[in-house]
C-alpha atoms as a PDB file:
ATOM      1  CA  MET A   1     -68.577-140.300  82.927  1.00  0.00           C
ATOM      2  CA  ALA A   2     -70.118-141.192  79.529  1.00  0.00           C
ATOM      3  CA  ASP A   3     -73.689-142.309  79.358  1.00  0.00           C
ATOM      4  CA  LEU A   4     -73.532-145.875  77.951  1.00  0.00           C
ATOM      5  CA  SER A   5     -77.183-146.663  78.342  1.00  0.00           C
ATOM      6  CA  ASN A   6     -77.971-146.171  74.691  1.00  0.00           C
ATOM      7  CA  SER A   7     -74.797-147.655  73.314  1.00  0.00           C
ATOM      8  CA  SER A   8     -76.031-151.203  72.942  1.00  0.00           C
ATOM      9  CA  GLY A   9     -79.214-149.944  71.325  1.00  0.00           C
ATOM     10  CA  ASP A  10     -77.140-147.789  68.922  1.00  0.00           C
ATOM     11  CA  ARG A  11     -75.010-150.853  68.057  1.00  0.00           C
ATOM     12  CA  MET A  12     -78.151-152.885  67.432  1.00  0.00           C
ATOM     13  CA  SER A  13     -79.461-150.152  65.229  1.00  0.00           C
ATOM     14  CA  ASP A  14     -76.105-149.866  63.344  1.00  0.00           C
ATOM     15  CA  ASN A  15     -76.033-153.686  62.894  1.00  0.00           C
ATOM     16  CA  ILE A  16     -79.563-153.745  61.476  1.00  0.00           C
ATOM     17  CA  LEU A  17     -78.732-150.934  59.062  1.00  0.00           C
ATOM     18  CA  GLU A  18     -75.584-152.721  57.964  1.00  0.00           C
ATOM     19  CA  LEU A  19     -77.620-156.001  57.484  1.00  0.00           C
ATOM     20  CA  ILE A  20     -80.231-154.188  55.448  1.00  0.00           C
ATOM     21  CA  ARG A  21     -77.450-152.547  53.354  1.00  0.00           C
ATOM     22  CA  ALA A  22     -75.661-155.888  52.825  1.00  0.00           C
ATOM     23  CA  VAL A  23     -78.885-157.526  51.679  1.00  0.00           C
ATOM     24  CA  GLU A  24     -79.543-154.583  49.312  1.00  0.00           C
ATOM     25  CA  LEU A  25     -76.114-154.821  47.879  1.00  0.00           C
ATOM     26  CA  PHE A  26     -76.385-158.520  47.425  1.00  0.00           C
ATOM     27  CA  THR A  27     -79.751-158.115  45.662  1.00  0.00           C
ATOM     28  CA  ASN A  28     -78.556-155.316  43.405  1.00  0.00           C
ATOM     29  CA  LYS A  29     -75.391-157.315  42.358  1.00  0.00           C
ATOM     30  CA  SER A  30     -77.467-160.347  41.860  1.00  0.00           C
ATOM     31  CA  ILE A  31     -79.809-158.517  39.507  1.00  0.00           C
ATOM     32  CA  ILE A  32     -76.874-156.915  37.627  1.00  0.00           C
ATOM     33  CA  ARG A  33     -75.202-160.374  37.142  1.00  0.00           C
ATOM     34  CA  PHE A  34     -78.580-161.871  36.022  1.00  0.00           C
ATOM     35  CA  ASN A  35     -79.124-159.140  33.583  1.00  0.00           C
ATOM     36  CA  GLU A  36     -75.694-159.520  32.111  1.00  0.00           C
ATOM     37  CA  ALA A  37     -76.217-163.284  31.514  1.00  0.00           C
ATOM     38  CA  TYR A  38     -79.963-163.037  30.342  1.00  0.00           C
ATOM     39  CA  GLU A  39     -80.278-162.595  26.618  1.00  0.00           C
ATOM     40  CA  HIS A  40     -83.819-161.159  26.409  1.00  0.00           C
ATOM     41  CA  ASN A  41     -84.633-157.460  26.548  1.00  0.00           C
ATOM     42  CA  ILE A  42     -86.790-157.537  29.705  1.00  0.00           C
ATOM     43  CA  GLY A  43     -86.065-157.242  33.386  1.00  0.00           C
ATOM     44  CA  ILE A  44     -86.859-159.094  36.542  1.00  0.00           C
ATOM     45  CA  SER A  45     -90.302-157.322  37.058  1.00  0.00           C
ATOM     46  CA  SER A  46     -91.350-158.410  33.582  1.00  0.00           C
ATOM     47  CA  ILE A  47     -90.127-162.024  34.246  1.00  0.00           C
ATOM     48  CA  LEU A  48     -92.196-162.167  37.392  1.00  0.00           C
ATOM     49  CA  VAL A  49     -95.293-161.106  35.388  1.00  0.00           C
ATOM     50  CA  LEU A  50     -94.572-163.852  32.914  1.00  0.00           C
ATOM     51  CA  ALA A  51     -94.219-166.327  35.810  1.00  0.00           C
ATOM     52  CA  GLU A  52     -97.615-165.307  37.114  1.00  0.00           C
ATOM     53  CA  LEU A  53     -99.184-165.601  33.667  1.00  0.00           C
ATOM     54  CA  ASN A  54     -97.596-169.050  33.231  1.00  0.00           C
ATOM     55  CA  LYS A  55     -98.751-170.222  36.649  1.00  0.00           C
ATOM     56  CA  LYS A  56    -102.377-168.856  36.651  1.00  0.00           C
ATOM     57  CA  GLY A  57    -103.117-168.303  32.966  1.00  0.00           C
ATOM     58  CA  PRO A  58    -104.519-165.045  31.401  1.00  0.00           C
ATOM     59  CA  GLN A  59    -105.290-162.355  34.015  1.00  0.00           C
ATOM     60  CA  LYS A  60    -106.296-158.814  34.298  1.00  0.00           C
ATOM     61  CA  SER A  61    -103.337-156.476  34.769  1.00  0.00           C
ATOM     62  CA  SER A  62    -104.781-155.128  37.982  1.00  0.00           C
ATOM     63  CA  ALA A  63    -104.856-158.684  39.462  1.00  0.00           C
ATOM     64  CA  ILE A  64    -101.202-159.212  38.547  1.00  0.00           C
ATOM     65  CA  ALA A  65    -100.246-155.834  39.860  1.00  0.00           C
ATOM     66  CA  LYS A  66    -101.946-156.533  43.258  1.00  0.00           C
ATOM     67  CA  GLU A  67    -100.332-160.052  43.412  1.00  0.00           C
ATOM     68  CA  LEU A  68     -96.839-158.700  42.790  1.00  0.00           C
ATOM     69  CA  SER A  69     -97.305-155.410  44.712  1.00  0.00           C
ATOM     70  CA  TYR A  70     -96.737-153.235  41.662  1.00  0.00           C
ATOM     71  CA  THR A  71     -98.464-149.918  41.143  1.00  0.00           C
ATOM     72  CA  PRO A  72    -101.049-149.796  38.339  1.00  0.00           C
ATOM     73  CA  GLY A  73     -98.665-147.410  36.360  1.00  0.00           C
ATOM     74  CA  ALA A  74     -95.671-149.766  36.721  1.00  0.00           C
ATOM     75  CA  MET A  75     -97.931-152.677  35.620  1.00  0.00           C
ATOM     76  CA  THR A  76     -99.078-150.722  32.517  1.00  0.00           C
ATOM     77  CA  ASN A  77     -95.461-150.136  31.561  1.00  0.00           C
ATOM     78  CA  ILE A  78     -94.519-153.796  32.059  1.00  0.00           C
ATOM     79  CA  ALA A  79     -97.544-155.038  30.163  1.00  0.00           C
ATOM     80  CA  ASN A  80     -96.791-152.652  27.154  1.00  0.00           C
ATOM     81  CA  LYS A  81     -93.105-153.775  27.152  1.00  0.00           C
ATOM     82  CA  LEU A  82     -94.124-157.497  27.208  1.00  0.00           C
ATOM     83  CA  ILE A  83     -96.636-156.987  24.359  1.00  0.00           C
ATOM     84  CA  ASN A  84     -94.218-154.866  22.283  1.00  0.00           C
ATOM     85  CA  GLU A  85     -91.479-157.532  22.644  1.00  0.00           C
ATOM     86  CA  GLY A  86     -93.992-160.214  21.800  1.00  0.00           C
ATOM     87  CA  TYR A  87     -93.881-161.930  25.117  1.00  0.00           C
ATOM     88  CA  ALA A  88     -97.577-161.335  25.991  1.00  0.00           C
ATOM     89  CA  VAL A  89    -100.724-160.378  24.293  1.00  0.00           C
ATOM     90  CA  ARG A  90    -103.940-158.729  25.291  1.00  0.00           C
ATOM     91  CA  GLN A  91    -107.060-160.957  25.171  1.00  0.00           C
ATOM     92  CA  TYR A  92    -110.569-159.458  25.078  1.00  0.00           C
ATOM     93  CA  ASP A  93    -113.500-161.106  26.665  1.00  0.00           C
ATOM     94  CA  GLU A  94    -115.977-162.050  23.975  1.00  0.00           C
ATOM     95  CA  LYS A  95    -118.937-161.211  26.283  1.00  0.00           C
ATOM     96  CA  ASP A  96    -117.499-157.982  27.580  1.00  0.00           C
ATOM     97  CA  ARG A  97    -114.905-156.237  25.329  1.00  0.00           C
ATOM     98  CA  ARG A  98    -114.068-153.883  28.273  1.00  0.00           C
ATOM     99  CA  ARG A  99    -112.559-156.864  30.116  1.00  0.00           C
ATOM    100  CA  VAL A 100    -108.965-157.208  28.983  1.00  0.00           C
ATOM    101  CA  MET A 101    -106.706-160.026  29.992  1.00  0.00           C
ATOM    102  CA  LEU A 102    -102.921-160.346  29.545  1.00  0.00           C
ATOM    103  CA  ALA A 103    -101.666-163.711  28.340  1.00  0.00           C
ATOM    104  CA  ILE A 104     -98.293-165.263  27.863  1.00  0.00           C
ATOM    105  CA  THR A 105     -97.162-166.155  24.245  1.00  0.00           C
ATOM    106  CA  ASP A 106     -94.948-169.029  23.167  1.00  0.00           C
ATOM    107  CA  GLN A 107     -92.074-166.403  22.905  1.00  0.00           C
ATOM    108  CA  GLY A 108     -92.918-165.343  26.474  1.00  0.00           C
ATOM    109  CA  GLN A 109     -92.813-169.006  27.616  1.00  0.00           C
ATOM    110  CA  HIS A 110     -89.333-169.396  25.918  1.00  0.00           C
ATOM    111  CA  ALA A 111     -88.144-166.146  27.705  1.00  0.00           C
ATOM    112  CA  LEU A 112     -89.389-167.491  31.046  1.00  0.00           C
ATOM    113  CA  GLU A 113     -87.661-170.782  30.527  1.00  0.00           C
ATOM    114  CA  ASP A 114     -84.516-168.946  29.694  1.00  0.00           C
ATOM    115  CA  ALA A 115     -84.810-166.813  32.836  1.00  0.00           C
ATOM    116  CA  GLN A 116     -85.298-169.918  34.985  1.00  0.00           C
ATOM    117  CA  LYS A 117     -82.167-171.411  33.432  1.00  0.00           C
ATOM    118  CA  THR A 118     -80.131-168.288  33.912  1.00  0.00           C
ATOM    119  CA  GLY A 119     -81.340-167.999  37.502  1.00  0.00           C
ATOM    120  CA  GLN A 120     -80.375-171.664  38.185  1.00  0.00           C
ATOM    121  CA  VAL A 121     -76.823-171.092  36.922  1.00  0.00           C
ATOM    122  CA  LEU A 122     -76.462-167.771  38.959  1.00  0.00           C
ATOM    123  CA  ARG A 123     -77.887-169.479  42.217  1.00  0.00           C
ATOM    124  CA  LYS A 124     -75.335-172.274  41.667  1.00  0.00           C
ATOM    125  CA  ASP A 125     -72.447-169.911  41.196  1.00  0.00           C
ATOM    126  CA  VAL A 126     -73.364-167.794  44.136  1.00  0.00           C
ATOM    127  CA  PHE A 127     -74.660-170.326  46.677  1.00  0.00           C
ATOM    128  CA  GLU A 128     -72.134-173.081  46.095  1.00  0.00           C
ATOM    129  CA  THR A 129     -69.807-171.181  48.468  1.00  0.00           C
ATOM    130  CA  LEU A 130     -72.188-172.098  51.292  1.00  0.00           C
ATOM    131  CA  THR A 131     -72.314-175.346  53.100  1.00  0.00           C
ATOM    132  CA  GLU A 132     -75.580-177.289  53.294  1.00  0.00           C
ATOM    133  CA  GLU A 133     -75.952-176.190  56.879  1.00  0.00           C
ATOM    134  CA  GLU A 134     -75.427-172.516  55.968  1.00  0.00           C
ATOM    135  CA  ILE A 135     -78.090-172.794  53.274  1.00  0.00           C
ATOM    136  CA  ARG A 136     -80.479-174.393  55.820  1.00  0.00           C
ATOM    137  CA  GLN A 137     -79.761-171.569  58.272  1.00  0.00           C
ATOM    138  CA  PHE A 138     -80.053-168.895  55.560  1.00  0.00           C
ATOM    139  CA  ARG A 139     -83.548-170.120  54.473  1.00  0.00           C
ATOM    140  CA  ALA A 140     -84.756-170.471  58.022  1.00  0.00           C
ATOM    141  CA  ILE A 141     -83.730-166.933  58.785  1.00  0.00           C
ATOM    142  CA  TYR A 142     -85.242-165.482  55.619  1.00  0.00           C
ATOM    143  CA  GLU A 143     -88.463-167.487  56.245  1.00  0.00           C
ATOM    144  CA  LYS A 144     -88.681-166.191  59.842  1.00  0.00           C
ATOM    145  CA  LEU A 145     -88.097-162.653  58.715  1.00  0.00           C
ATOM    146  CA  LEU A 146     -90.768-162.900  55.938  1.00  0.00           C
ATOM    147  CA  ASP A 147     -93.207-164.330  58.475  1.00  0.00           C
ATOM    148  CA  GLN A 148     -92.502-161.317  60.738  1.00  0.00           C
ATOM    149  CA  LEU A 149     -93.053-158.846  57.920  1.00  0.00           C
ATOM    150  CA  ASP A 150     -96.377-160.593  57.118  1.00  0.00           C
ATOM    151  CA  THR A 151     -97.753-160.008  60.631  1.00  0.00           C
END
């Protein structure tokens, strides 16, 4: 006789892995679609940095890295790309030249606005397939899962 004691646990584990994979595929395909529609030469990570700068004003790169859970090396690369593309500038503290802040430029503000518009179109295209109730459930589930990850 087969031992079925673990079969429901195995199914649960398989279901969780399938769910994680589905979320991963959805995220990857969403990013690809966004990047195809977005006209600027920066990615999602850079856009998130611009959003932080827009929301909170000039900041040290280390503070932004901490807020967005980026490594210092990744943040350096993102900052350099944003500066090279003209979307951000380095600002030096007049009292302490060692203190360097990253600030968004007008061009960066424009790129962020374009990203928000592109994102709105993508969300509409993707989520219009869901009913209002499904959207409410989707949000509730994700908020519950995010709360669990924060504990």
